[in-house]
């Protein structure tokens, strides 16, 4: 912890809390992060990482997530009473890799390993998670928040400016803030989930499904636990799962009875009873206190959207809070966190519940292979702080849309583009757009036929500090006589035309895209006046 009192307290050190802290630290904002558990949680838990989240980890410079995560195994659904599989299927929606979508395949990484990776990145900023430290209460004023913490029975009063609750479905922050958490508990969906080490004769390293969604057992191989490691789930309406979950013996018996082969059990790593809850808050903040992740929304596991949504909550909030804390943006910017995330989460809950109902109705344990699950189409087109001078007004807006590479509006995910050659650089100075985007500054992409056409726009950007706004001129491959001298931070030649294609710009056009720190297109405008108009909604008067 820093010698001075950090201005932000993050309560809860799961993925959402860790990403919140890391985003703020990369923005130069000191953070204190606590977790009531005395030791880091074990177990795979939510392990699916969708393409949009892989992009966000890329922006955070946490490349290990993509490197350590593994492809989602093929699913073998077995015929009753045999190891012979009836169907072979994929849990992954089919998506081609394109220059605009470098992370096109979802992967799996256990939450235990993901937490370790993220904590290591926090330590680079001299920030460590304070385990066994519990939030007891808080009181907020216009100037800050007075927090009462407890560790080993000893109370501590801590003054901070902001509190972010990432403390899970039973969130103390949410409860003390008085936010509603309306929804339903699904008694028709109960299961025991956990991690186990076992060997079954003839059981290969595929994802195995025995039975159906009413009575079934699932085993997903995971080498994170061991060569004989599996993440399991047991669904059996004929069993009292409240008795099964805490009993290693009953778990072994139930799994053995479902798998028609000789099974040797080596170790039960972790297990818990799970009931599907579908709930969300009425708002994501009150005053100086915010909620992210499971503290703000919970849902059925179908679709694997929960952990990913929490990470995206954190990323949306982090850059905005950093600007406000630095005195660069008005506090009203924080209201857009609620405005942008509320419709996304509302649509997500509806979608995952629809998938769940379909699985129950058909007794099919395979999740629908819907491209919407990639989360690449999630947008905030209706936000008050996005500006699009080209969008057609009156079009219907779905916050949880399906990615359409033939469309791009302000509020959408910013596409990638490779093979951009830096003017004045060597042969090795070839970059991608994603390598430019980071959570501590806006990136202004100026597509122009020549540097001369970009000059007026670059002049307007001189009013902004390069620590919070960076510029890149993107020239077509046909550009000639390119001079190195420029007010832009980078001048890039779109050698293969990928950037012009992804951003729907013709070679002779001048068009400006402002990419927010969270990798969202904040603005699509004609020129300097549009850029100034967009930044007037973000920054205090320059």
Protein backbone atom coordinates (compact mmCIF):
# COMPACT_ATOMS: atom_id res chain seq x y z
CA UNK A 1 0.00 0.00 0.00
CA UNK A 2 1.21 3.49 -0.74
CA UNK A 3 2.50 5.67 2.08
CA UNK A 4 -0.22 8.21 1.34
CA UNK A 5 -3.86 7.22 1.69
CA UNK A 6 -5.02 5.85 -1.68
CA UNK A 7 -8.03 7.74 -3.04
CA UNK A 8 -9.79 4.53 -4.12
CA UNK A 9 -10.78 1.51 -2.03
CA UNK A 10 -11.70 -1.63 -3.99
CA UNK A 11 -13.65 -4.14 -1.92
CA UNK A 12 -13.27 -7.68 -3.28
CA UNK A 13 -10.34 -9.24 -5.13
CA UNK A 14 -11.98 -11.45 -7.73
CA UNK A 15 -11.43 -10.73 -11.44
CA UNK A 16 -13.73 -7.67 -11.49
CA UNK A 17 -12.02 -6.09 -8.47
CA UNK A 18 -8.54 -6.89 -9.74
CA UNK A 19 -9.24 -5.44 -13.20
CA UNK A 20 -10.73 -2.32 -11.57
CA UNK A 21 -7.60 -1.86 -9.48
CA UNK A 22 -5.22 -2.52 -12.39
CA UNK A 23 -7.04 -0.08 -14.68
CA UNK A 24 -6.80 2.65 -12.06
CA UNK A 25 -3.16 1.92 -11.27
CA UNK A 26 -2.23 2.10 -14.95
CA UNK A 27 -3.93 5.50 -14.96
CA UNK A 28 -1.65 6.62 -12.12
CA UNK A 29 -4.33 6.40 -9.40
CA UNK A 30 -3.20 4.70 -6.15
CA UNK A 31 -5.55 1.94 -4.98
CA UNK A 32 -6.14 -0.04 -1.81
CA UNK A 33 -7.76 -3.43 -2.48
CA UNK A 34 -9.10 -5.72 0.25
CA UNK A 35 -10.79 -9.12 0.42
CA UNK A 36 -12.53 -10.62 3.44
CA UNK A 37 -11.27 -14.14 2.72
CA UNK A 38 -7.98 -14.86 4.52
CA UNK A 39 -6.64 -16.81 1.54
CA UNK A 40 -7.10 -16.52 -2.24
CA UNK A 41 -10.03 -18.59 -3.51
CA UNK A 42 -9.25 -21.91 -5.11
CA UNK A 43 -11.03 -23.54 -8.01
CA UNK A 44 -11.82 -23.01 -11.67
CA UNK A 45 -15.20 -21.32 -11.07
CA UNK A 46 -16.12 -19.15 -14.07
CA UNK A 47 -13.49 -20.12 -16.63
CA UNK A 48 -14.74 -19.02 -20.05
CA UNK A 49 -13.08 -15.91 -21.49
CA UNK A 50 -14.84 -14.49 -24.55
CA UNK A 51 -13.12 -12.58 -27.38
CA UNK A 52 -14.08 -9.11 -26.12
CA UNK A 53 -12.51 -9.82 -22.74
CA UNK A 54 -9.35 -11.12 -24.44
CA UNK A 55 -9.16 -7.76 -26.22
CA UNK A 56 -9.48 -5.88 -22.92
CA UNK A 57 -6.71 -7.93 -21.34
CA UNK A 58 -4.60 -7.05 -24.39
CA UNK A 59 -5.23 -3.33 -23.77
CA UNK A 60 -4.22 -3.84 -20.12
CA UNK A 61 -0.92 -5.43 -21.23
CA UNK A 62 -1.93 -8.70 -19.53
CA UNK A 63 -0.89 -10.94 -22.40
CA UNK A 64 -0.57 -13.98 -20.12
CA UNK A 65 -4.33 -14.50 -20.14
CA UNK A 66 -4.37 -15.29 -23.86
CA UNK A 67 -1.11 -17.25 -23.58
CA UNK A 68 -2.15 -19.41 -20.62
CA UNK A 69 -5.81 -19.90 -21.53
CA UNK A 70 -6.69 -23.04 -23.45
CA UNK A 71 -9.15 -23.76 -26.24
CA UNK A 72 -12.60 -24.94 -25.20
CA UNK A 73 -12.68 -28.75 -25.62
CA UNK A 74 -15.00 -30.56 -27.98
CA UNK A 75 -18.06 -31.93 -26.16
CA UNK A 76 -18.88 -35.63 -26.27
CA UNK A 77 -22.46 -36.33 -25.20
CA UNK A 78 -22.69 -40.03 -24.38
CA UNK A 79 -25.34 -42.61 -25.06
CA UNK A 80 -27.08 -43.78 -21.87
CA UNK A 81 -25.08 -46.37 -19.99
CA UNK A 82 -22.05 -46.34 -22.33
CA UNK A 83 -18.88 -44.44 -23.10
CA UNK A 84 -19.96 -44.33 -26.73
CA UNK A 85 -20.84 -40.77 -27.63
CA UNK A 86 -24.11 -39.94 -29.32
CA UNK A 87 -23.05 -36.51 -30.50
CA UNK A 88 -19.85 -34.52 -30.87
CA UNK A 89 -20.32 -30.78 -30.71
CA UNK A 90 -18.60 -27.50 -30.04
CA UNK A 91 -19.54 -24.97 -27.37
CA UNK A 92 -17.92 -22.27 -29.47
CA UNK A 93 -19.84 -20.07 -31.93
CA UNK A 94 -18.06 -20.22 -35.28
CA UNK A 95 -16.18 -17.04 -36.09
CA UNK A 96 -13.44 -16.52 -38.66
CA UNK A 97 -10.28 -14.72 -37.71
CA UNK A 98 -10.04 -11.47 -39.65
CA UNK A 99 -7.66 -8.50 -39.54
CA UNK A 100 -10.31 -6.63 -37.50
CA UNK A 101 -10.81 -9.53 -35.03
CA UNK A 102 -7.48 -10.96 -33.85
CA UNK A 103 -9.06 -12.74 -30.86
CA UNK A 104 -11.82 -14.71 -32.52
CA UNK A 105 -11.92 -17.87 -30.38
CA UNK A 106 -13.05 -17.95 -26.75
CA UNK A 107 -10.72 -19.71 -24.33
CA UNK A 108 -10.74 -21.10 -20.82
CA UNK A 109 -8.63 -20.16 -17.84
CA UNK A 110 -9.56 -21.04 -14.28
CA UNK A 111 -10.38 -18.14 -12.01
CA UNK A 112 -7.73 -19.26 -9.55
CA UNK A 113 -4.99 -18.87 -12.18
CA UNK A 114 -6.53 -15.69 -13.60
CA UNK A 115 -6.47 -14.11 -10.14
CA UNK A 116 -2.78 -15.02 -9.73
CA UNK A 117 -1.92 -13.39 -13.07
CA UNK A 118 -3.78 -10.20 -12.22
CA UNK A 119 -2.33 -9.95 -8.70
CA UNK A 120 1.18 -10.17 -10.18
CA UNK A 121 0.40 -7.18 -12.37
CA UNK A 122 -0.87 -5.21 -9.36
CA UNK A 123 2.41 -5.92 -7.60
CA UNK A 124 4.26 -4.11 -10.41
CA UNK A 125 2.60 -0.96 -9.01
CA UNK A 126 3.49 -1.87 -5.40
CA UNK A 127 -0.13 -2.82 -4.75
CA UNK A 128 -1.02 -6.08 -2.98
CA UNK A 129 -4.37 -7.50 -1.98
CA UNK A 130 -5.00 -7.22 1.76
CA UNK A 131 -6.51 -10.63 2.52
CA UNK A 132 -8.67 -11.25 5.58
CA UNK A 133 -9.75 -7.60 5.63
CA UNK A 134 -13.48 -6.99 5.81
CA UNK A 135 -15.61 -3.94 5.11
CA UNK A 136 -17.91 -3.32 8.07
CA UNK A 137 -19.55 -0.02 7.17
CA UNK A 138 -19.10 3.29 5.38
CA UNK A 139 -20.47 6.82 5.38
CA UNK A 140 -20.05 9.15 2.45
CA UNK A 141 -20.12 12.91 2.08
CA UNK A 142 -19.53 15.32 -0.79
CA UNK A 143 -15.79 15.17 -0.09
CA UNK A 144 -15.19 11.48 0.47
CA UNK A 145 -16.07 8.20 2.17
CA UNK A 146 -15.25 7.16 5.74
CA UNK A 147 -14.87 3.39 5.86
CA UNK A 148 -14.71 1.03 8.82
CA UNK A 149 -12.61 -2.08 8.15
CA UNK A 150 -11.80 -5.07 10.33
CA UNK A 151 -8.91 -7.53 10.30
CA UNK A 152 -8.21 -10.17 12.94
CA UNK A 153 -10.88 -8.58 15.12
CA UNK A 154 -9.21 -5.17 15.01
CA UNK A 155 -11.18 -2.25 13.56
CA UNK A 156 -9.69 0.44 11.38
CA UNK A 157 -11.22 3.71 10.20
CA UNK A 158 -10.07 4.62 6.72
CA UNK A 159 -10.81 7.82 4.83
CA UNK A 160 -10.89 7.59 1.07
CA UNK A 161 -12.53 9.41 -1.83
CA UNK A 162 -14.16 6.54 -3.69
CA UNK A 163 -15.30 2.99 -2.91
CA UNK A 164 -15.86 0.27 -5.51
CA UNK A 165 -17.75 -2.82 -4.44
CA UNK A 166 -16.56 -5.94 -6.26
CA UNK A 167 -17.53 -8.16 -3.34
CA UNK A 168 -19.77 -10.65 -5.09
CA UNK A 169 -23.43 -11.61 -5.08
CA UNK A 170 -23.75 -11.10 -1.30
CA UNK A 171 -22.10 -7.69 -1.59
CA UNK A 172 -21.90 -5.69 1.64
CA UNK A 173 -21.26 -2.57 -0.44
CA UNK A 174 -24.48 -3.04 -2.41
CA UNK A 175 -26.52 -3.75 0.70
CA UNK A 176 -25.20 -0.77 2.65
CA UNK A 177 -25.68 1.44 -0.38
CA UNK A 178 -29.36 0.44 -0.38
CA UNK A 179 -29.47 -0.66 -4.00
CA UNK A 180 -32.24 -3.06 -4.97
CA UNK A 181 -31.24 -6.47 -6.30
CA UNK A 182 -34.44 -7.60 -7.92
CA UNK A 183 -34.88 -10.82 -9.82
CA UNK A 184 -35.52 -14.47 -9.09
CA UNK A 185 -33.88 -17.55 -7.65
CA UNK A 186 -34.40 -20.50 -9.95
CA UNK A 187 -35.21 -23.56 -7.88
CA UNK A 188 -35.48 -25.58 -11.11
CA UNK A 189 -31.74 -25.16 -11.70
CA UNK A 190 -29.64 -26.57 -8.89
CA UNK A 191 -26.30 -28.28 -9.21
CA UNK A 192 -23.06 -29.12 -7.47
CA UNK A 193 -19.98 -27.71 -9.18
CA UNK A 194 -16.31 -28.04 -8.40
CA UNK A 195 -12.89 -29.37 -9.33
CA UNK A 196 -11.80 -32.95 -8.98
CA UNK A 197 -8.92 -35.25 -9.83
CA UNK A 198 -9.95 -38.66 -11.13
CA UNK A 199 -9.04 -41.31 -13.68
CA UNK A 200 -11.67 -43.20 -15.64
CA UNK A 201 -10.81 -46.19 -17.82
CA UNK A 202 -11.35 -45.13 -21.44
CA UNK A 203 -12.18 -41.54 -20.44
CA UNK A 204 -10.20 -39.32 -22.82
CA UNK A 205 -9.53 -35.58 -22.49
CA UNK A 206 -12.71 -34.36 -24.13
CA UNK A 207 -15.53 -32.50 -22.40
CA UNK A 208 -17.89 -35.32 -21.38
CA UNK A 209 -21.63 -35.01 -20.84
CA UNK A 210 -23.60 -37.87 -19.31
CA UNK A 211 -27.39 -37.60 -19.02
CA UNK A 212 -29.34 -34.42 -19.63
CA UNK A 213 -30.14 -31.06 -18.07
CA UNK A 214 -32.51 -32.67 -15.56
CA UNK A 215 -30.21 -35.47 -14.43
CA UNK A 216 -26.70 -35.28 -15.69
CA UNK A 217 -23.00 -35.07 -14.98
CA UNK A 218 -20.43 -33.00 -16.83
CA UNK A 219 -16.65 -33.40 -16.78
CA UNK A 220 -14.41 -30.82 -18.45
CA UNK A 221 -10.69 -31.62 -18.55
CA UNK A 222 -8.38 -28.99 -17.11
CA UNK A 223 -4.64 -29.43 -16.80
CA UNK A 224 -4.51 -26.48 -14.39
CA UNK A 225 -5.60 -28.94 -11.70
CA UNK A 226 -3.45 -31.80 -12.97
CA UNK A 227 -3.13 -34.33 -15.75
CA UNK A 228 -6.15 -36.04 -14.19
CA UNK A 229 -7.96 -32.76 -13.41
CA UNK A 230 -11.58 -32.03 -14.26
CA UNK A 231 -14.14 -29.34 -13.58
CA UNK A 232 -17.38 -31.14 -12.81
CA UNK A 233 -21.05 -30.34 -12.45
CA UNK A 234 -23.79 -32.60 -11.12
CA UNK A 235 -27.43 -31.96 -11.94
CA UNK A 236 -29.82 -34.40 -10.31
CA UNK A 237 -33.29 -33.41 -9.23
CA UNK A 238 -33.63 -36.71 -7.37
CA UNK A 239 -30.80 -35.90 -4.96
CA UNK A 240 -30.64 -33.56 -2.00
CA UNK A 241 -27.77 -31.46 -3.36
CA UNK A 242 -27.43 -29.59 -0.06
CA UNK A 243 -26.16 -32.90 1.37
CA UNK A 244 -24.12 -33.86 -1.69
CA UNK A 245 -22.12 -30.61 -1.95
CA UNK A 246 -20.28 -30.86 1.40
CA UNK A 247 -19.72 -34.62 1.17
CA UNK A 248 -16.70 -35.90 -0.71
CA UNK A 249 -18.08 -39.44 -0.43
CA UNK A 250 -21.45 -38.53 -1.98
CA UNK A 251 -19.80 -36.56 -4.77
CA UNK A 252 -17.59 -39.54 -5.62
CA UNK A 253 -20.59 -41.90 -5.51
CA UNK A 254 -22.72 -39.65 -7.72
CA UNK A 255 -20.05 -39.18 -10.37
CA UNK A 256 -19.13 -42.89 -10.34
CA UNK A 257 -22.79 -43.87 -10.83
CA UNK A 258 -23.06 -41.56 -13.87
CA UNK A 259 -19.92 -42.76 -15.67
CA UNK A 260 -20.18 -46.30 -17.08
CA UNK A 261 -16.55 -47.25 -16.47
CA UNK A 262 -14.13 -47.95 -13.65
CA UNK A 263 -13.26 -44.67 -11.90
CA UNK A 264 -10.38 -43.99 -9.52
CA UNK A 265 -10.81 -40.84 -7.44
CA UNK A 266 -7.63 -39.06 -6.37
CA UNK A 267 -8.76 -35.77 -4.84
CA UNK A 268 -11.71 -33.43 -4.46
CA UNK A 269 -10.17 -29.96 -4.83
CA UNK A 270 -13.24 -27.82 -4.31
CA UNK A 271 -17.05 -28.14 -4.48
CA UNK A 272 -20.09 -25.98 -3.89
CA UNK A 273 -23.83 -26.07 -4.40
CA UNK A 274 -25.05 -23.69 -7.08
CA UNK A 275 -28.54 -22.30 -7.68
CA UNK A 276 -29.25 -20.06 -10.62
CA UNK A 277 -30.02 -16.51 -9.55
CA UNK A 278 -31.08 -13.90 -12.07
CA UNK A 279 -30.78 -10.47 -10.45
CA UNK A 280 -29.43 -6.98 -11.09
CA UNK A 281 -29.21 -3.66 -9.33
CA UNK A 282 -31.45 -0.73 -10.13
CA UNK A 283 -28.34 1.44 -10.55
CA UNK A 284 -24.60 0.90 -10.47
CA UNK A 285 -23.63 3.72 -8.14
CA UNK A 286 -24.71 6.16 -5.48
CA UNK A 287 -22.56 9.20 -4.84
CA UNK A 288 -18.94 8.15 -4.44
CA UNK A 289 -19.65 4.42 -4.20
CA UNK A 290 -19.95 1.99 -7.13
CA UNK A 291 -20.61 -1.70 -7.72
CA UNK A 292 -19.12 -3.94 -10.41
CA UNK A 293 -19.43 -7.59 -11.41
CA UNK A 294 -21.47 -10.00 -9.29
CA UNK A 295 -22.11 -7.24 -6.76
CA UNK A 296 -24.22 -5.61 -9.49
CA UNK A 297 -25.62 -8.57 -11.42
CA UNK A 298 -25.86 -12.36 -11.26
CA UNK A 299 -27.38 -14.78 -13.73
CA UNK A 300 -27.48 -18.37 -14.89
CA UNK A 301 -24.16 -19.89 -16.01
CA UNK A 302 -25.54 -20.48 -19.52
CA UNK A 303 -23.54 -18.49 -22.02
CA UNK A 304 -20.65 -17.81 -19.65
CA UNK A 305 -21.24 -14.05 -19.64
CA UNK A 306 -20.93 -13.28 -15.92
CA UNK A 307 -17.20 -12.99 -15.25
CA UNK A 308 -16.70 -11.33 -18.62
CA UNK A 309 -19.40 -8.75 -17.90
CA UNK A 310 -17.78 -7.94 -14.56
CA UNK A 311 -14.42 -7.33 -16.23
CA UNK A 312 -16.11 -5.02 -18.72
CA UNK A 313 -17.90 -3.14 -15.91
CA UNK A 314 -14.52 -2.52 -14.33
CA UNK A 315 -12.92 -1.31 -17.53
CA UNK A 316 -15.79 1.08 -18.26
CA UNK A 317 -15.63 2.61 -14.79
CA UNK A 318 -11.86 2.69 -14.35
CA UNK A 319 -10.82 5.23 -16.98
CA UNK A 320 -13.69 7.57 -16.12
CA UNK A 321 -12.96 7.56 -12.40
CA UNK A 322 -9.27 8.16 -13.14
CA UNK A 323 -10.03 11.31 -15.15
CA UNK A 324 -12.32 12.64 -12.41
CA UNK A 325 -9.81 11.91 -9.66
CA UNK A 326 -7.09 13.69 -11.66
CA UNK A 327 -9.32 16.76 -11.93
CA UNK A 328 -9.49 16.44 -15.72
CA UNK A 329 -13.18 15.56 -15.96
CA UNK A 330 -16.30 16.62 -14.14
CA UNK A 331 -17.88 14.21 -11.65
CA UNK A 332 -20.89 13.97 -13.97
CA UNK A 333 -18.81 11.75 -16.27
CA UNK A 334 -19.25 8.99 -13.70
CA UNK A 335 -23.00 8.98 -14.32
CA UNK A 336 -22.30 7.48 -17.74
CA UNK A 337 -21.00 4.30 -16.08
CA UNK A 338 -24.54 3.51 -15.01
CA UNK A 339 -26.08 4.79 -18.24
CA UNK A 340 -23.79 2.66 -20.43
CA UNK A 341 -23.73 -0.56 -18.43
CA UNK A 342 -27.34 -0.82 -17.27
CA UNK A 343 -28.85 -1.59 -20.72
CA UNK A 344 -26.01 -3.99 -21.54
CA UNK A 345 -26.53 -6.02 -18.36
CA UNK A 346 -30.32 -5.94 -18.72
CA UNK A 347 -30.07 -7.44 -22.20
CA UNK A 348 -27.44 -9.95 -21.05
CA UNK A 349 -29.71 -11.27 -18.29
CA UNK A 350 -32.58 -11.64 -20.72
CA UNK A 351 -30.38 -13.48 -23.22
CA UNK A 352 -28.79 -15.92 -20.75
CA UNK A 353 -32.17 -16.65 -19.19
CA UNK A 354 -33.60 -17.43 -22.64
CA UNK A 355 -30.73 -19.87 -23.24
CA UNK A 356 -31.34 -21.46 -19.83
CA UNK A 357 -35.06 -21.89 -20.48
CA UNK A 358 -34.30 -23.49 -23.84
CA UNK A 359 -31.88 -25.94 -22.23
CA UNK A 360 -34.46 -26.91 -19.62
CA UNK A 361 -37.21 -27.29 -22.22
CA UNK A 362 -35.11 -29.50 -24.50
CA UNK A 363 -33.12 -31.21 -21.69
CA UNK A 364 -30.07 -30.40 -23.80
CA UNK A 365 -26.89 -29.55 -21.86
CA UNK A 366 -25.22 -27.89 -24.85
CA UNK A 367 -25.27 -24.09 -24.83
CA UNK A 368 -26.62 -22.42 -27.95
CA UNK A 369 -23.82 -21.46 -30.34
CA UNK A 370 -24.90 -17.87 -30.80
CA UNK A 371 -22.29 -15.38 -32.12
CA UNK A 372 -23.73 -12.78 -29.74
CA UNK A 373 -21.93 -14.63 -26.92
CA UNK A 374 -18.56 -13.41 -28.23
CA UNK A 375 -19.52 -10.01 -26.74
CA UNK A 376 -17.93 -8.19 -29.69
CA UNK A 377 -21.22 -6.55 -30.60
CA UNK A 378 -21.82 -4.99 -27.18
CA UNK A 379 -22.12 -1.23 -27.59
CA UNK A 380 -23.11 2.04 -25.95
CA UNK A 381 -24.49 3.78 -29.04
CA UNK A 382 -27.20 5.49 -26.97
CA UNK A 383 -24.69 7.03 -24.54
CA UNK A 384 -24.69 10.80 -24.04
CA UNK A 385 -20.91 10.95 -24.41
CA UNK A 386 -20.55 9.33 -27.82
CA UNK A 387 -20.72 11.44 -30.96
CA UNK A 388 -21.39 10.22 -34.48
CA UNK A 389 -21.71 12.75 -37.28
CA UNK A 390 -22.41 9.99 -39.80
CA UNK A 391 -24.96 7.78 -38.02
CA UNK A 392 -28.52 7.63 -39.32
CA UNK A 393 -30.84 8.90 -36.55
CA UNK A 394 -33.82 6.87 -35.45
CA UNK A 395 -32.28 3.42 -35.94
CA UNK A 396 -33.16 0.87 -33.20
CA UNK A 397 -30.32 0.22 -30.77
CA UNK A 398 -29.62 -3.13 -29.14
CA UNK A 399 -26.87 -2.86 -26.52
CA UNK A 400 -26.06 -6.57 -26.91
CA UNK A 401 -25.83 -6.63 -30.66
CA UNK A 402 -24.15 -9.12 -32.96
CA UNK A 403 -20.94 -7.82 -34.52
CA UNK A 404 -21.46 -6.70 -38.11
CA UNK A 405 -18.18 -5.92 -39.83
CA UNK A 406 -20.11 -3.93 -42.42
CA UNK A 407 -21.18 -1.37 -39.83
CA UNK A 408 -19.36 0.87 -37.39
CA UNK A 409 -20.93 3.58 -35.24
CA UNK A 410 -19.80 5.62 -32.27
CA UNK A 411 -20.30 3.49 -29.18
CA UNK A 412 -19.17 0.29 -30.90
CA UNK A 413 -16.10 -1.78 -30.17
CA UNK A 414 -13.11 -0.34 -32.06
CA UNK A 415 -11.77 -2.85 -34.64
CA UNK A 416 -8.14 -3.86 -34.98
CA UNK A 417 -6.00 -3.58 -38.12
CA UNK A 418 -2.52 -5.06 -38.74
CA UNK A 419 0.27 -4.18 -41.21
CA UNK A 420 0.45 -0.48 -40.39
CA UNK A 421 3.90 0.85 -41.29
CA UNK A 422 5.28 3.75 -39.29
CA UNK A 423 6.53 6.59 -41.48
CA UNK A 424 10.21 7.22 -40.88
CA UNK A 425 10.64 3.91 -39.08
CA UNK A 426 12.61 0.86 -40.09
CA UNK A 427 11.32 -2.29 -41.68
CA UNK A 428 10.47 -3.65 -38.22
CA UNK A 429 8.26 -0.67 -37.36
CA UNK A 430 5.03 -2.41 -38.34
CA UNK A 431 2.22 -2.20 -35.84
CA UNK A 432 -1.48 -2.85 -35.24
CA UNK A 433 -4.18 -0.50 -34.05
CA UNK A 434 -4.71 -2.60 -30.93
CA UNK A 435 -1.11 -1.97 -29.93
CA UNK A 436 -1.99 1.74 -29.73
CA UNK A 437 -5.04 1.47 -27.48
CA UNK A 438 -4.41 1.68 -23.74
CA UNK A 439 -6.64 2.48 -20.73
CA UNK A 440 -4.93 5.73 -19.73
CA UNK A 441 -5.47 7.84 -22.86
CA UNK A 442 -7.77 8.49 -25.81
CA UNK A 443 -6.41 7.65 -29.25
CA UNK A 444 -7.42 9.92 -32.12
CA UNK A 445 -7.18 8.20 -35.51
CA UNK A 446 -7.07 10.69 -38.36
CA UNK A 447 -7.73 8.96 -41.67
CA UNK A 448 -6.61 11.35 -44.40
CA UNK A 449 -5.33 11.22 -48.00
CA UNK A 450 -2.20 13.13 -46.95
CA UNK A 451 -0.54 14.77 -43.96
CA UNK A 452 -1.61 18.15 -45.27
CA UNK A 453 -5.26 17.09 -45.02
CA UNK A 454 -4.72 16.00 -41.42
CA UNK A 455 -2.93 19.17 -40.28
CA UNK A 456 -5.99 21.23 -39.16
CA UNK A 457 -7.24 18.34 -37.02
CA UNK A 458 -3.80 17.79 -35.47
CA UNK A 459 -3.67 21.47 -34.66
CA UNK A 460 -6.86 21.17 -32.63
CA UNK A 461 -5.34 18.32 -30.63
CA UNK A 462 -2.41 20.45 -29.43
CA UNK A 463 -4.68 21.78 -26.67
CA UNK A 464 -4.70 18.35 -25.00
CA UNK A 465 -1.87 16.81 -23.01
CA UNK A 466 -0.29 13.80 -24.73
CA UNK A 467 -0.67 11.91 -21.47
CA UNK A 468 -4.43 11.74 -22.01
CA UNK A 469 -4.84 12.18 -25.80
CA UNK A 470 -2.59 10.64 -28.45
CA UNK A 471 -2.91 10.94 -32.21
CA UNK A 472 -2.16 8.75 -35.18
CA UNK A 473 -2.56 9.76 -38.80
CA UNK A 474 -3.55 6.81 -40.98
CA UNK A 475 -2.62 7.28 -44.64
CA UNK A 476 -3.63 5.07 -47.55
CA UNK A 477 -0.97 2.94 -49.19
CA UNK A 478 -1.21 5.21 -52.23
CA UNK A 479 0.01 8.26 -50.27
CA UNK A 480 3.18 9.73 -51.82
CA UNK A 481 5.77 12.25 -50.69
CA UNK A 482 5.05 11.57 -47.04
CA UNK A 483 7.05 13.83 -44.74
CA UNK A 484 8.13 12.70 -41.30
CA UNK A 485 7.65 16.12 -39.68
CA UNK A 486 4.17 16.14 -38.16
CA UNK A 487 2.26 17.16 -35.05
CA UNK A 488 0.93 13.61 -34.81
CA UNK A 489 2.36 11.15 -32.30
CA UNK A 490 2.43 8.56 -35.09
CA UNK A 491 2.07 8.61 -38.85
CA UNK A 492 1.08 5.24 -40.24
CA UNK A 493 0.66 3.95 -43.75
CA UNK A 494 -2.15 1.43 -44.09
CA UNK A 495 -0.06 -0.81 -46.32
CA UNK A 496 -2.65 -3.58 -46.80
CA UNK A 497 -5.75 -1.40 -46.45
CA UNK A 498 -6.95 -3.25 -43.34
CA UNK A 499 -7.54 -0.10 -41.27
CA UNK A 500 -9.50 1.66 -44.02
CA UNK A 501 -11.57 -1.48 -44.50
CA UNK A 502 -12.34 -2.02 -40.80
CA UNK A 503 -13.20 1.64 -40.20
CA UNK A 504 -15.16 1.90 -43.47
CA UNK A 505 -13.09 4.77 -44.86
CA UNK A 506 -12.36 5.19 -48.57
CA UNK A 507 -8.78 6.05 -49.57
CA UNK A 508 -9.62 9.63 -50.57
CA UNK A 509 -11.70 10.49 -47.51
CA UNK A 510 -10.82 12.39 -44.35
CA UNK A 511 -12.54 10.98 -41.29
CA UNK A 512 -11.66 11.09 -37.60
CA UNK A 513 -12.24 8.37 -34.98
CA UNK A 514 -11.71 8.98 -31.28
CA UNK A 515 -11.04 5.71 -29.47
CA UNK A 516 -11.81 5.78 -25.77
CA UNK A 517 -9.46 4.24 -23.18
CA UNK A 518 -11.77 1.20 -22.98
CA UNK A 519 -11.38 0.40 -26.68
CA UNK A 520 -14.78 1.84 -27.64
CA UNK A 521 -15.28 4.28 -30.52
CA UNK A 522 -16.16 7.49 -28.70
CA UNK A 523 -16.61 9.62 -31.79
CA UNK A 524 -16.75 9.45 -35.58
CA UNK A 525 -16.53 12.98 -36.96
CA UNK A 526 -15.58 14.97 -40.06
CA UNK A 527 -12.81 17.06 -38.57
CA UNK A 528 -11.48 19.39 -35.87
CA UNK A 529 -14.81 20.81 -34.72
CA UNK A 530 -16.23 17.36 -34.14
CA UNK A 531 -13.16 16.36 -32.13
CA UNK A 532 -13.52 19.45 -29.93
CA UNK A 533 -17.22 18.76 -29.46
CA UNK A 534 -16.57 15.19 -28.33
CA UNK A 535 -13.84 16.15 -25.86
CA UNK A 536 -16.02 18.92 -24.43
CA UNK A 537 -18.26 16.14 -23.04
CA UNK A 538 -15.28 14.34 -21.48
CA UNK A 539 -12.80 16.90 -20.20
CA UNK A 540 -13.16 20.08 -18.22
CA UNK A 541 -12.46 23.22 -20.25
CA UNK A 542 -8.99 23.09 -21.75
